[in-house]
């Protein structure tokens, strides 16, 4: 039996907006959730462009670096390579309770929608769908073409949750981090993981 109350698979792909995925990783680890993390090669490139992080190349070193940065407990964060087919997420018997692709490129969206499974990220999403697990797709693209919309509809009909990176403003954000936290809070809500980043609609902000 697992020492962790819950396990979530998190995939970062090469869309702009890696801040959403990294902040979600931080919040998941802080909540005591075990995380199976997957980064595509384009995601590594975008992280270098959009953040000051210098990520090591090896998976074990990457797990230590991110685990140290976000305070992961021993054994809480596992990082898998794009072609690591022996990873638990590649099989229904080892799949996490939920999976989030954040941010998600339109290419990844398309591949998941047709079951391409060319990489571990795509295979893990395919497994989540076939096992009827929660799959949240945080698409980061605009404008959306008919192809994108059709793929989103196809996945929605399969049971996936389409959650485009579309932060609200009713909480009156004053920093970029507030916009990031808006989206991360909505993702955590759908994962049913308690969060204090954003109060529910109609409830006063505890920090106000």
N, C-alpha and C. Protein backbone atom coordinates (compact mmCIF):
# COMPACT_ATOMS: atom_id res chain seq x y z
N UNK A 1 0.85 -1.19 0.00
CA UNK A 1 0.00 0.00 0.00
C UNK A 1 0.88 1.24 0.00
N UNK A 2 0.50 2.26 -0.78
CA UNK A 2 1.31 3.46 -0.91
C UNK A 2 1.34 4.26 0.38
N UNK A 3 2.51 4.89 0.63
CA UNK A 3 2.63 5.78 1.79
C UNK A 3 1.98 7.13 1.53
N UNK A 4 1.58 7.37 0.28
CA UNK A 4 1.01 8.66 -0.09
C UNK A 4 -0.49 8.53 -0.28
N UNK A 5 -1.26 9.47 0.27
CA UNK A 5 -2.72 9.38 0.16
C UNK A 5 -3.23 9.50 -1.27
N UNK A 6 -2.43 10.14 -2.12
CA UNK A 6 -2.88 10.33 -3.50
C UNK A 6 -1.68 10.52 -4.41
N UNK A 7 -1.84 10.07 -5.66
CA UNK A 7 -0.81 10.24 -6.67
C UNK A 7 -1.40 10.93 -7.89
N UNK A 8 -0.71 11.93 -8.40
CA UNK A 8 -1.15 12.66 -9.59
C UNK A 8 -0.02 12.67 -10.60
N UNK A 9 -0.33 12.35 -11.84
CA UNK A 9 0.63 12.48 -12.93
C UNK A 9 0.55 13.90 -13.48
N UNK A 10 1.71 14.52 -13.65
CA UNK A 10 1.75 15.89 -14.17
C UNK A 10 2.70 15.93 -15.36
N UNK A 11 2.21 16.41 -16.49
CA UNK A 11 3.03 16.53 -17.70
C UNK A 11 3.12 17.98 -18.12
N UNK A 12 4.33 18.43 -18.40
CA UNK A 12 4.57 19.76 -18.95
C UNK A 12 5.04 19.59 -20.38
N UNK A 13 4.35 20.24 -21.31
CA UNK A 13 4.75 20.18 -22.71
C UNK A 13 5.26 21.55 -23.15
N UNK A 14 5.55 21.70 -24.44
CA UNK A 14 6.27 22.88 -24.90
C UNK A 14 5.46 24.11 -25.19
N UNK A 15 4.29 24.25 -24.63
CA UNK A 15 3.52 25.48 -24.80
C UNK A 15 4.05 26.56 -23.87
N UNK A 16 3.82 27.80 -24.23
CA UNK A 16 4.13 28.90 -23.31
C UNK A 16 3.24 28.77 -22.08
N UNK A 17 3.76 29.22 -20.95
CA UNK A 17 2.98 29.13 -19.72
C UNK A 17 3.45 28.03 -18.79
N UNK A 18 4.75 27.73 -18.82
CA UNK A 18 5.26 26.69 -17.92
C UNK A 18 5.10 27.09 -16.46
N UNK A 19 4.90 28.38 -16.21
CA UNK A 19 4.68 28.82 -14.83
C UNK A 19 3.47 28.14 -14.20
N UNK A 20 2.45 27.88 -15.01
CA UNK A 20 1.27 27.17 -14.50
C UNK A 20 1.66 25.78 -14.00
N UNK A 21 2.42 25.05 -14.83
CA UNK A 21 2.79 23.70 -14.47
C UNK A 21 3.73 23.64 -13.28
N UNK A 22 4.69 24.55 -13.23
CA UNK A 22 5.65 24.55 -12.12
C UNK A 22 4.97 24.93 -10.81
N UNK A 23 4.07 25.89 -10.86
CA UNK A 23 3.35 26.27 -9.65
C UNK A 23 2.42 25.14 -9.20
N UNK A 24 1.81 24.46 -10.15
CA UNK A 24 0.97 23.32 -9.80
C UNK A 24 1.81 22.23 -9.15
N UNK A 25 3.00 21.97 -9.69
CA UNK A 25 3.90 21.00 -9.08
C UNK A 25 4.20 21.37 -7.64
N UNK A 26 4.52 22.61 -7.41
CA UNK A 26 4.81 23.08 -6.05
C UNK A 26 3.63 22.84 -5.12
N UNK A 27 2.43 23.18 -5.57
CA UNK A 27 1.24 23.04 -4.72
C UNK A 27 0.89 21.58 -4.47
N UNK A 28 1.07 20.75 -5.46
CA UNK A 28 0.80 19.33 -5.28
C UNK A 28 1.74 18.73 -4.24
N UNK A 29 3.01 19.07 -4.33
CA UNK A 29 3.98 18.54 -3.37
C UNK A 29 3.70 19.05 -1.97
N UNK A 30 3.34 20.31 -1.87
CA UNK A 30 3.03 20.88 -0.55
C UNK A 30 1.79 20.26 0.08
N UNK A 31 0.89 19.76 -0.79
CA UNK A 31 -0.35 19.15 -0.28
C UNK A 31 -0.13 17.72 0.19
N UNK A 32 1.08 17.18 -0.01
CA UNK A 32 1.36 15.81 0.39
C UNK A 32 1.03 14.80 -0.69
N UNK A 33 0.81 15.27 -1.90
CA UNK A 33 0.50 14.39 -3.02
C UNK A 33 1.78 13.86 -3.65
N UNK A 34 1.81 12.58 -3.96
CA UNK A 34 2.93 12.05 -4.73
C UNK A 34 2.74 12.44 -6.19
N UNK A 35 3.82 12.84 -6.85
CA UNK A 35 3.74 13.33 -8.22
C UNK A 35 4.62 12.51 -9.14
N UNK A 36 4.01 12.04 -10.24
CA UNK A 36 4.74 11.44 -11.34
C UNK A 36 4.90 12.53 -12.40
N UNK A 37 6.10 13.04 -12.56
CA UNK A 37 6.33 14.19 -13.43
C UNK A 37 6.96 13.78 -14.76
N UNK A 38 6.43 14.36 -15.82
CA UNK A 38 6.96 14.14 -17.17
C UNK A 38 7.15 15.48 -17.86
N UNK A 39 8.32 15.70 -18.41
CA UNK A 39 8.62 16.93 -19.16
C UNK A 39 9.04 16.55 -20.57
N UNK A 40 8.38 17.14 -21.54
CA UNK A 40 8.82 16.93 -22.91
C UNK A 40 10.09 17.75 -23.15
N UNK A 41 10.84 17.40 -24.19
CA UNK A 41 12.04 18.17 -24.51
C UNK A 41 11.70 19.62 -24.84
N UNK A 42 10.63 19.89 -25.63
CA UNK A 42 10.25 21.29 -25.84
C UNK A 42 9.90 22.02 -24.54
N UNK A 43 9.34 21.30 -23.57
CA UNK A 43 9.03 21.93 -22.29
C UNK A 43 10.29 22.41 -21.60
N UNK A 44 11.35 21.63 -21.68
CA UNK A 44 12.62 22.04 -21.10
C UNK A 44 13.13 23.33 -21.77
N UNK A 45 12.95 23.41 -23.08
CA UNK A 45 13.38 24.60 -23.81
C UNK A 45 12.58 25.82 -23.33
N UNK A 46 11.27 25.66 -23.21
CA UNK A 46 10.42 26.79 -22.80
C UNK A 46 10.72 27.20 -21.36
N UNK A 47 11.00 26.23 -20.49
CA UNK A 47 11.37 26.56 -19.11
C UNK A 47 12.61 27.44 -19.10
N UNK A 48 13.57 27.12 -19.96
CA UNK A 48 14.77 27.95 -20.06
C UNK A 48 14.49 29.34 -20.59
N UNK A 49 13.45 29.48 -21.41
CA UNK A 49 13.10 30.77 -21.99
C UNK A 49 12.26 31.62 -21.04
N UNK A 50 11.37 30.98 -20.30
CA UNK A 50 10.38 31.73 -19.52
C UNK A 50 10.71 31.82 -18.03
N UNK A 51 11.71 31.09 -17.58
CA UNK A 51 12.08 31.14 -16.16
C UNK A 51 13.59 31.23 -16.04
N UNK A 52 14.05 31.37 -14.81
CA UNK A 52 15.49 31.41 -14.53
C UNK A 52 16.02 30.04 -14.12
N UNK A 53 15.18 29.01 -14.19
CA UNK A 53 15.60 27.69 -13.78
C UNK A 53 16.60 27.09 -14.77
N UNK A 54 17.63 26.46 -14.24
CA UNK A 54 18.60 25.72 -15.03
C UNK A 54 18.45 24.24 -14.67
N UNK A 55 17.74 23.51 -15.51
CA UNK A 55 17.41 22.13 -15.18
C UNK A 55 18.51 21.17 -15.64
N UNK A 56 18.90 20.23 -14.79
CA UNK A 56 19.87 19.21 -15.20
C UNK A 56 19.26 18.26 -16.22
N UNK A 57 20.09 17.58 -16.97
CA UNK A 57 19.61 16.71 -18.02
C UNK A 57 19.13 15.36 -17.53
N UNK A 58 19.81 14.78 -16.53
CA UNK A 58 19.46 13.45 -16.07
C UNK A 58 18.21 13.46 -15.21
N UNK A 59 17.40 12.40 -15.36
CA UNK A 59 16.13 12.33 -14.65
C UNK A 59 16.33 12.34 -13.13
N UNK A 60 17.31 11.58 -12.63
CA UNK A 60 17.53 11.52 -11.19
C UNK A 60 17.96 12.88 -10.65
N UNK A 61 18.81 13.57 -11.39
CA UNK A 61 19.25 14.89 -10.96
C UNK A 61 18.11 15.90 -11.04
N UNK A 62 17.25 15.74 -12.04
CA UNK A 62 16.11 16.63 -12.18
C UNK A 62 15.15 16.46 -11.01
N UNK A 63 14.93 15.22 -10.61
CA UNK A 63 14.04 14.97 -9.47
C UNK A 63 14.60 15.59 -8.20
N UNK A 64 15.92 15.47 -8.01
CA UNK A 64 16.53 16.07 -6.82
C UNK A 64 16.45 17.59 -6.87
N UNK A 65 16.69 18.17 -8.04
CA UNK A 65 16.68 19.63 -8.17
C UNK A 65 15.29 20.19 -7.91
N UNK A 66 14.28 19.63 -8.55
CA UNK A 66 12.91 20.15 -8.38
C UNK A 66 12.37 19.78 -7.00
N UNK A 67 12.73 18.60 -6.52
CA UNK A 67 12.30 18.21 -5.19
C UNK A 67 12.87 19.12 -4.12
N UNK A 68 14.15 19.50 -4.29
CA UNK A 68 14.76 20.43 -3.35
C UNK A 68 14.17 21.82 -3.44
N UNK A 69 13.87 22.24 -4.66
CA UNK A 69 13.30 23.58 -4.87
C UNK A 69 11.94 23.71 -4.22
N UNK A 70 11.13 22.65 -4.32
CA UNK A 70 9.74 22.73 -3.85
C UNK A 70 9.49 21.94 -2.57
N UNK A 71 10.53 21.47 -1.94
CA UNK A 71 10.40 20.84 -0.63
C UNK A 71 9.74 19.47 -0.65
N UNK A 72 10.04 18.66 -1.66
CA UNK A 72 9.46 17.33 -1.73
C UNK A 72 10.07 16.42 -0.67
N UNK A 73 9.25 15.56 -0.12
CA UNK A 73 9.73 14.56 0.83
C UNK A 73 10.38 13.42 0.05
N UNK A 74 11.22 12.63 0.69
CA UNK A 74 11.84 11.49 -0.01
C UNK A 74 10.79 10.57 -0.63
N UNK A 75 10.96 10.25 -1.89
CA UNK A 75 10.02 9.37 -2.58
C UNK A 75 8.74 10.01 -3.05
N UNK A 76 8.61 11.31 -2.84
CA UNK A 76 7.36 11.97 -3.21
C UNK A 76 7.32 12.38 -4.68
N UNK A 77 8.46 12.73 -5.26
CA UNK A 77 8.51 13.19 -6.64
C UNK A 77 9.29 12.20 -7.49
N UNK A 78 8.66 11.74 -8.56
CA UNK A 78 9.30 10.82 -9.50
C UNK A 78 9.26 11.47 -10.88
N UNK A 79 10.40 11.52 -11.55
CA UNK A 79 10.49 12.12 -12.88
C UNK A 79 10.79 11.02 -13.89
N UNK A 80 10.01 11.00 -14.97
CA UNK A 80 10.16 9.98 -15.99
C UNK A 80 10.48 10.60 -17.34
N UNK A 81 11.30 9.90 -18.12
CA UNK A 81 11.68 10.37 -19.44
C UNK A 81 10.61 10.12 -20.48
N UNK A 82 10.74 10.80 -21.62
CA UNK A 82 9.72 10.72 -22.65
C UNK A 82 9.56 9.32 -23.23
N UNK A 83 10.61 8.51 -23.20
CA UNK A 83 10.56 7.17 -23.75
C UNK A 83 10.74 6.09 -22.67
N UNK A 84 10.42 6.45 -21.44
CA UNK A 84 10.60 5.51 -20.33
C UNK A 84 9.34 4.64 -20.18
N UNK A 85 9.25 3.62 -21.02
CA UNK A 85 8.02 2.83 -21.10
C UNK A 85 7.81 1.93 -19.91
N UNK A 86 8.80 1.79 -19.04
CA UNK A 86 8.63 0.99 -17.82
C UNK A 86 8.05 1.81 -16.68
N UNK A 87 7.76 3.09 -16.91
CA UNK A 87 7.19 3.94 -15.86
C UNK A 87 5.78 3.46 -15.51
N UNK A 88 5.37 3.61 -14.25
CA UNK A 88 4.03 3.16 -13.83
C UNK A 88 2.91 3.73 -14.68
N UNK A 89 3.06 4.98 -15.13
CA UNK A 89 1.99 5.65 -15.86
C UNK A 89 1.73 5.05 -17.23
N UNK A 90 2.61 4.17 -17.70
CA UNK A 90 2.44 3.55 -19.01
C UNK A 90 1.47 2.38 -18.97
N UNK A 91 1.01 2.00 -17.79
CA UNK A 91 0.13 0.86 -17.65
C UNK A 91 -1.06 1.20 -16.76
N UNK A 92 -2.19 0.61 -17.07
CA UNK A 92 -3.38 0.84 -16.25
C UNK A 92 -3.22 0.36 -14.83
N UNK A 93 -2.37 -0.64 -14.61
CA UNK A 93 -2.18 -1.16 -13.25
C UNK A 93 -1.34 -0.23 -12.39
N UNK A 94 -0.63 0.72 -13.03
CA UNK A 94 0.21 1.64 -12.27
C UNK A 94 -0.17 3.09 -12.42
N UNK A 95 -1.29 3.33 -13.09
CA UNK A 95 -1.71 4.71 -13.37
C UNK A 95 -2.07 5.46 -12.09
N UNK A 96 -1.81 6.76 -12.11
CA UNK A 96 -2.17 7.62 -10.98
C UNK A 96 -3.69 7.84 -10.97
N UNK A 97 -4.17 8.37 -9.86
CA UNK A 97 -5.61 8.64 -9.75
C UNK A 97 -6.07 9.71 -10.72
N UNK A 98 -5.15 10.60 -11.10
CA UNK A 98 -5.50 11.68 -12.01
C UNK A 98 -4.27 12.11 -12.77
N UNK A 99 -4.50 12.75 -13.92
CA UNK A 99 -3.39 13.28 -14.71
C UNK A 99 -3.73 14.68 -15.17
N UNK A 100 -2.72 15.54 -15.17
CA UNK A 100 -2.88 16.92 -15.65
C UNK A 100 -1.78 17.19 -16.68
N UNK A 101 -2.17 17.71 -17.84
CA UNK A 101 -1.20 18.17 -18.82
C UNK A 101 -1.23 19.69 -18.78
N UNK A 102 -0.18 20.29 -18.24
CA UNK A 102 -0.19 21.72 -17.95
C UNK A 102 1.20 22.33 -18.06
N UNK A 103 1.45 23.15 -19.09
CA UNK A 103 0.53 23.49 -20.18
C UNK A 103 0.53 22.41 -21.25
N UNK A 104 -0.49 22.43 -22.08
CA UNK A 104 -0.63 21.44 -23.14
C UNK A 104 -0.55 22.12 -24.50
N UNK A 105 0.31 21.61 -25.36
CA UNK A 105 0.39 22.13 -26.72
C UNK A 105 -0.76 21.58 -27.55
N UNK A 106 -1.05 22.22 -28.67
CA UNK A 106 -2.08 21.70 -29.56
C UNK A 106 -1.62 20.39 -30.21
N UNK A 107 -0.30 20.22 -30.36
CA UNK A 107 0.21 18.96 -30.88
C UNK A 107 -0.06 17.80 -29.93
N UNK A 108 0.18 18.03 -28.64
CA UNK A 108 -0.12 17.00 -27.64
C UNK A 108 -1.61 16.74 -27.57
N UNK A 109 -2.40 17.80 -27.63
CA UNK A 109 -3.85 17.67 -27.65
C UNK A 109 -4.29 16.75 -28.78
N UNK A 110 -3.76 16.99 -29.98
CA UNK A 110 -4.11 16.19 -31.14
C UNK A 110 -3.71 14.73 -30.95
N UNK A 111 -2.48 14.50 -30.47
CA UNK A 111 -1.99 13.14 -30.29
C UNK A 111 -2.82 12.37 -29.28
N UNK A 112 -3.19 13.02 -28.19
CA UNK A 112 -4.01 12.35 -27.18
C UNK A 112 -5.40 12.06 -27.73
N UNK A 113 -5.94 12.98 -28.51
CA UNK A 113 -7.29 12.83 -29.04
C UNK A 113 -7.41 11.64 -29.98
N UNK A 114 -6.30 11.28 -30.65
CA UNK A 114 -6.34 10.15 -31.60
C UNK A 114 -5.63 8.92 -31.05
N UNK A 115 -5.15 8.99 -29.81
CA UNK A 115 -4.50 7.84 -29.20
C UNK A 115 -3.16 7.49 -29.81
N UNK A 116 -2.37 8.49 -30.20
CA UNK A 116 -1.11 8.24 -30.88
C UNK A 116 -0.09 7.52 -29.99
N UNK A 117 0.01 7.93 -28.72
CA UNK A 117 0.90 7.27 -27.75
C UNK A 117 2.34 7.14 -28.23
N UNK A 118 2.87 8.19 -28.84
CA UNK A 118 4.25 8.16 -29.34
C UNK A 118 5.26 8.46 -28.25
N UNK A 119 4.84 9.08 -27.17
CA UNK A 119 5.72 9.40 -26.05
C UNK A 119 5.05 8.96 -24.76
N UNK A 120 5.79 8.98 -23.66
CA UNK A 120 5.21 8.57 -22.39
C UNK A 120 4.08 9.49 -21.98
N UNK A 121 4.19 10.78 -22.27
CA UNK A 121 3.11 11.71 -21.93
C UNK A 121 1.82 11.31 -22.64
N UNK A 122 1.92 11.04 -23.94
CA UNK A 122 0.74 10.66 -24.71
C UNK A 122 0.18 9.33 -24.22
N UNK A 123 1.07 8.38 -23.94
CA UNK A 123 0.63 7.07 -23.44
C UNK A 123 -0.04 7.20 -22.08
N UNK A 124 0.52 8.01 -21.20
CA UNK A 124 -0.06 8.19 -19.87
C UNK A 124 -1.46 8.79 -19.97
N UNK A 125 -1.65 9.73 -20.89
CA UNK A 125 -2.98 10.31 -21.09
C UNK A 125 -3.94 9.28 -21.65
N UNK A 126 -3.46 8.45 -22.58
CA UNK A 126 -4.28 7.38 -23.14
C UNK A 126 -4.72 6.41 -22.05
N UNK A 127 -3.78 6.08 -21.15
CA UNK A 127 -4.10 5.20 -20.03
C UNK A 127 -5.15 5.83 -19.12
N UNK A 128 -4.98 7.12 -18.83
CA UNK A 128 -5.96 7.81 -17.97
C UNK A 128 -7.36 7.73 -18.56
N UNK A 129 -7.46 7.91 -19.87
CA UNK A 129 -8.76 7.84 -20.53
C UNK A 129 -9.35 6.44 -20.48
N UNK A 130 -8.53 5.43 -20.81
CA UNK A 130 -9.07 4.08 -20.87
C UNK A 130 -9.43 3.53 -19.50
N UNK A 131 -8.72 4.02 -18.46
CA UNK A 131 -9.00 3.58 -17.10
C UNK A 131 -10.05 4.45 -16.41
N UNK A 132 -10.59 5.41 -17.17
CA UNK A 132 -11.63 6.31 -16.64
C UNK A 132 -11.13 7.11 -15.44
N UNK A 133 -9.87 7.54 -15.52
CA UNK A 133 -9.31 8.41 -14.48
C UNK A 133 -9.50 9.87 -14.90
N UNK A 134 -9.37 10.77 -13.97
CA UNK A 134 -9.47 12.19 -14.27
C UNK A 134 -8.30 12.61 -15.15
N UNK A 135 -8.62 13.27 -16.27
CA UNK A 135 -7.60 13.84 -17.16
C UNK A 135 -7.95 15.30 -17.39
N UNK A 136 -7.07 16.19 -16.94
CA UNK A 136 -7.27 17.63 -17.09
C UNK A 136 -6.26 18.15 -18.10
N UNK A 137 -6.75 18.84 -19.11
CA UNK A 137 -5.90 19.37 -20.17
C UNK A 137 -5.93 20.89 -20.13
N UNK A 138 -4.78 21.49 -19.82
CA UNK A 138 -4.67 22.94 -19.72
C UNK A 138 -4.02 23.44 -21.02
N UNK A 139 -4.87 23.67 -22.00
CA UNK A 139 -4.40 24.10 -23.31
C UNK A 139 -3.95 25.56 -23.26
N UNK A 140 -2.81 25.85 -23.92
CA UNK A 140 -2.32 27.23 -23.96
C UNK A 140 -2.08 27.59 -25.43
N UNK A 141 -3.13 28.12 -26.03
CA UNK A 141 -3.07 28.52 -27.43
C UNK A 141 -4.17 29.52 -27.72
N UNK A 142 -3.90 30.45 -28.62
CA UNK A 142 -4.93 31.39 -29.07
C UNK A 142 -4.48 32.05 -30.37
N UNK A 143 -5.37 32.24 -31.32
CA UNK A 143 -6.74 31.74 -31.36
C UNK A 143 -6.78 30.25 -31.60
N UNK A 144 -7.96 29.67 -31.47
CA UNK A 144 -8.14 28.24 -31.65
C UNK A 144 -8.72 27.96 -33.03
N UNK A 145 -8.13 27.02 -33.74
CA UNK A 145 -8.64 26.65 -35.05
C UNK A 145 -9.75 25.62 -34.90
N UNK A 146 -10.41 25.32 -35.99
CA UNK A 146 -11.45 24.29 -35.98
C UNK A 146 -10.86 22.94 -35.57
N UNK A 147 -9.62 22.68 -35.99
CA UNK A 147 -8.95 21.43 -35.61
C UNK A 147 -8.80 21.34 -34.10
N UNK A 148 -8.33 22.44 -33.49
CA UNK A 148 -8.16 22.45 -32.03
C UNK A 148 -9.49 22.23 -31.32
N UNK A 149 -10.51 22.92 -31.78
CA UNK A 149 -11.83 22.82 -31.15
C UNK A 149 -12.41 21.42 -31.30
N UNK A 150 -12.22 20.81 -32.45
CA UNK A 150 -12.72 19.45 -32.66
C UNK A 150 -11.99 18.47 -31.75
N UNK A 151 -10.68 18.65 -31.59
CA UNK A 151 -9.92 17.77 -30.69
C UNK A 151 -10.34 17.95 -29.25
N UNK A 152 -10.60 19.19 -28.86
CA UNK A 152 -11.09 19.45 -27.50
C UNK A 152 -12.44 18.80 -27.27
N UNK A 153 -13.32 18.91 -28.26
CA UNK A 153 -14.65 18.30 -28.14
C UNK A 153 -14.54 16.78 -28.06
N UNK A 154 -13.66 16.21 -28.88
CA UNK A 154 -13.47 14.76 -28.88
C UNK A 154 -13.03 14.28 -27.50
N UNK A 155 -12.06 14.97 -26.91
CA UNK A 155 -11.57 14.56 -25.59
C UNK A 155 -12.61 14.81 -24.50
N UNK A 156 -13.37 15.89 -24.62
CA UNK A 156 -14.44 16.16 -23.66
C UNK A 156 -15.45 15.02 -23.66
N UNK A 157 -15.79 14.54 -24.85
CA UNK A 157 -16.73 13.44 -24.95
C UNK A 157 -16.18 12.15 -24.37
N UNK A 158 -14.86 12.04 -24.31
CA UNK A 158 -14.22 10.87 -23.70
C UNK A 158 -14.15 10.99 -22.18
N UNK A 159 -14.48 12.16 -21.66
CA UNK A 159 -14.46 12.35 -20.22
C UNK A 159 -13.37 13.26 -19.69
N UNK A 160 -12.49 13.73 -20.58
CA UNK A 160 -11.44 14.64 -20.14
C UNK A 160 -12.02 16.02 -19.82
N UNK A 161 -11.31 16.76 -18.99
CA UNK A 161 -11.72 18.12 -18.63
C UNK A 161 -10.83 19.10 -19.38
N UNK A 162 -11.46 19.91 -20.24
CA UNK A 162 -10.72 20.93 -20.97
C UNK A 162 -10.68 22.21 -20.13
N UNK A 163 -9.50 22.63 -19.76
CA UNK A 163 -9.35 23.81 -18.91
C UNK A 163 -8.30 24.73 -19.51
N UNK A 164 -8.63 25.47 -20.58
CA UNK A 164 -7.65 26.37 -21.19
C UNK A 164 -7.10 27.37 -20.18
N UNK A 165 -5.85 27.74 -20.36
CA UNK A 165 -5.22 28.71 -19.47
C UNK A 165 -5.89 30.06 -19.68
N UNK A 166 -6.91 30.31 -18.89
CA UNK A 166 -7.77 31.48 -19.07
C UNK A 166 -8.11 32.08 -17.71
N UNK A 167 -7.14 32.73 -17.06
CA UNK A 167 -7.38 33.23 -15.70
C UNK A 167 -8.43 34.32 -15.66
N UNK A 168 -9.16 34.36 -14.56
CA UNK A 168 -10.16 35.40 -14.35
C UNK A 168 -9.56 36.62 -13.66
N UNK A 169 -10.39 37.63 -13.50
CA UNK A 169 -9.91 38.88 -12.90
C UNK A 169 -10.80 39.36 -11.76
N UNK A 170 -11.82 38.56 -11.40
CA UNK A 170 -12.72 39.01 -10.35
C UNK A 170 -12.05 39.01 -8.97
N UNK A 171 -10.91 38.34 -8.84
CA UNK A 171 -10.19 38.38 -7.57
C UNK A 171 -9.18 39.54 -7.54
N UNK A 172 -9.25 40.40 -8.56
CA UNK A 172 -8.45 41.62 -8.66
C UNK A 172 -6.95 41.34 -8.51
N UNK A 173 -6.38 40.62 -9.45
CA UNK A 173 -4.95 40.30 -9.38
C UNK A 173 -4.10 41.55 -9.50
N UNK A 174 -3.02 41.58 -8.78
CA UNK A 174 -2.08 42.70 -8.85
C UNK A 174 -0.70 42.26 -9.33
N UNK A 175 -0.50 40.94 -9.48
CA UNK A 175 0.78 40.40 -9.92
C UNK A 175 0.53 39.29 -10.93
N UNK A 176 1.53 39.01 -11.73
CA UNK A 176 1.43 37.87 -12.65
C UNK A 176 1.19 36.59 -11.87
N UNK A 177 1.82 36.47 -10.71
CA UNK A 177 1.66 35.27 -9.89
C UNK A 177 0.20 35.05 -9.49
N UNK A 178 -0.56 36.13 -9.32
CA UNK A 178 -1.98 35.99 -8.98
C UNK A 178 -2.76 35.34 -10.12
N UNK A 179 -2.40 35.66 -11.35
CA UNK A 179 -3.06 35.07 -12.51
C UNK A 179 -2.71 33.59 -12.62
N UNK A 180 -1.45 33.27 -12.35
CA UNK A 180 -1.03 31.86 -12.36
C UNK A 180 -1.78 31.09 -11.28
N UNK A 181 -1.87 31.66 -10.09
CA UNK A 181 -2.53 30.98 -8.97
C UNK A 181 -4.01 30.77 -9.24
N UNK A 182 -4.63 31.65 -9.99
CA UNK A 182 -6.05 31.48 -10.34
C UNK A 182 -6.25 30.15 -11.05
N UNK A 183 -5.43 29.92 -12.08
CA UNK A 183 -5.56 28.68 -12.84
C UNK A 183 -5.19 27.46 -12.01
N UNK A 184 -4.13 27.57 -11.25
CA UNK A 184 -3.69 26.45 -10.42
C UNK A 184 -4.77 26.10 -9.39
N UNK A 185 -5.41 27.10 -8.82
CA UNK A 185 -6.48 26.86 -7.86
C UNK A 185 -7.64 26.11 -8.51
N UNK A 186 -8.00 26.47 -9.72
CA UNK A 186 -9.09 25.78 -10.41
C UNK A 186 -8.73 24.33 -10.70
N UNK A 187 -7.47 24.09 -11.06
CA UNK A 187 -7.02 22.72 -11.30
C UNK A 187 -7.09 21.91 -10.01
N UNK A 188 -6.59 22.47 -8.92
CA UNK A 188 -6.62 21.78 -7.64
C UNK A 188 -8.06 21.49 -7.21
N UNK A 189 -8.97 22.41 -7.47
CA UNK A 189 -10.38 22.18 -7.14
C UNK A 189 -10.91 20.96 -7.89
N UNK A 190 -10.57 20.84 -9.16
CA UNK A 190 -11.05 19.70 -9.94
C UNK A 190 -10.38 18.40 -9.51
N UNK A 191 -9.19 18.50 -8.96
CA UNK A 191 -8.52 17.32 -8.41
C UNK A 191 -9.02 16.99 -7.01
N UNK A 192 -9.85 17.86 -6.47
CA UNK A 192 -10.37 17.73 -5.10
C UNK A 192 -9.25 17.73 -4.08
N UNK A 193 -8.28 18.59 -4.32
CA UNK A 193 -7.18 18.80 -3.39
C UNK A 193 -7.37 20.17 -2.74
N UNK A 194 -7.45 20.24 -1.43
CA UNK A 194 -7.68 21.52 -0.75
C UNK A 194 -6.62 22.55 -1.12
N UNK A 195 -7.09 23.79 -1.34
CA UNK A 195 -6.17 24.87 -1.69
C UNK A 195 -6.64 26.17 -1.05
N UNK A 196 -5.69 27.06 -0.82
CA UNK A 196 -6.00 28.37 -0.24
C UNK A 196 -5.57 29.50 -1.18
N UNK A 197 -5.33 29.17 -2.44
CA UNK A 197 -4.90 30.19 -3.39
C UNK A 197 -6.02 31.12 -3.79
N UNK A 198 -7.24 30.58 -3.83
CA UNK A 198 -8.38 31.34 -4.32
C UNK A 198 -9.63 30.88 -3.59
N UNK A 199 -10.34 31.80 -2.92
CA UNK A 199 -11.55 31.37 -2.21
C UNK A 199 -12.66 31.04 -3.20
N UNK A 200 -13.57 30.13 -2.82
CA UNK A 200 -14.70 29.83 -3.69
C UNK A 200 -15.53 31.09 -3.97
N UNK A 201 -16.17 31.10 -5.11
CA UNK A 201 -16.99 32.24 -5.49
C UNK A 201 -18.06 32.51 -4.44
N UNK A 202 -18.17 33.76 -4.02
CA UNK A 202 -19.18 34.14 -3.03
C UNK A 202 -18.68 34.10 -1.61
N UNK A 203 -17.49 33.55 -1.38
CA UNK A 203 -16.93 33.52 -0.05
C UNK A 203 -15.87 34.60 0.10
N UNK A 204 -15.77 35.24 1.26
CA UNK A 204 -14.78 36.30 1.44
C UNK A 204 -13.37 35.75 1.42
N UNK A 205 -12.45 36.55 0.97
CA UNK A 205 -11.03 36.18 0.96
C UNK A 205 -10.52 36.25 2.39
N UNK A 206 -9.95 35.14 2.86
CA UNK A 206 -9.50 35.08 4.24
C UNK A 206 -8.39 36.09 4.51
N UNK A 207 -7.67 36.48 3.47
CA UNK A 207 -6.58 37.43 3.66
C UNK A 207 -7.01 38.87 3.51
N UNK A 208 -8.29 39.07 3.16
CA UNK A 208 -8.77 40.44 2.92
C UNK A 208 -8.89 41.22 4.24
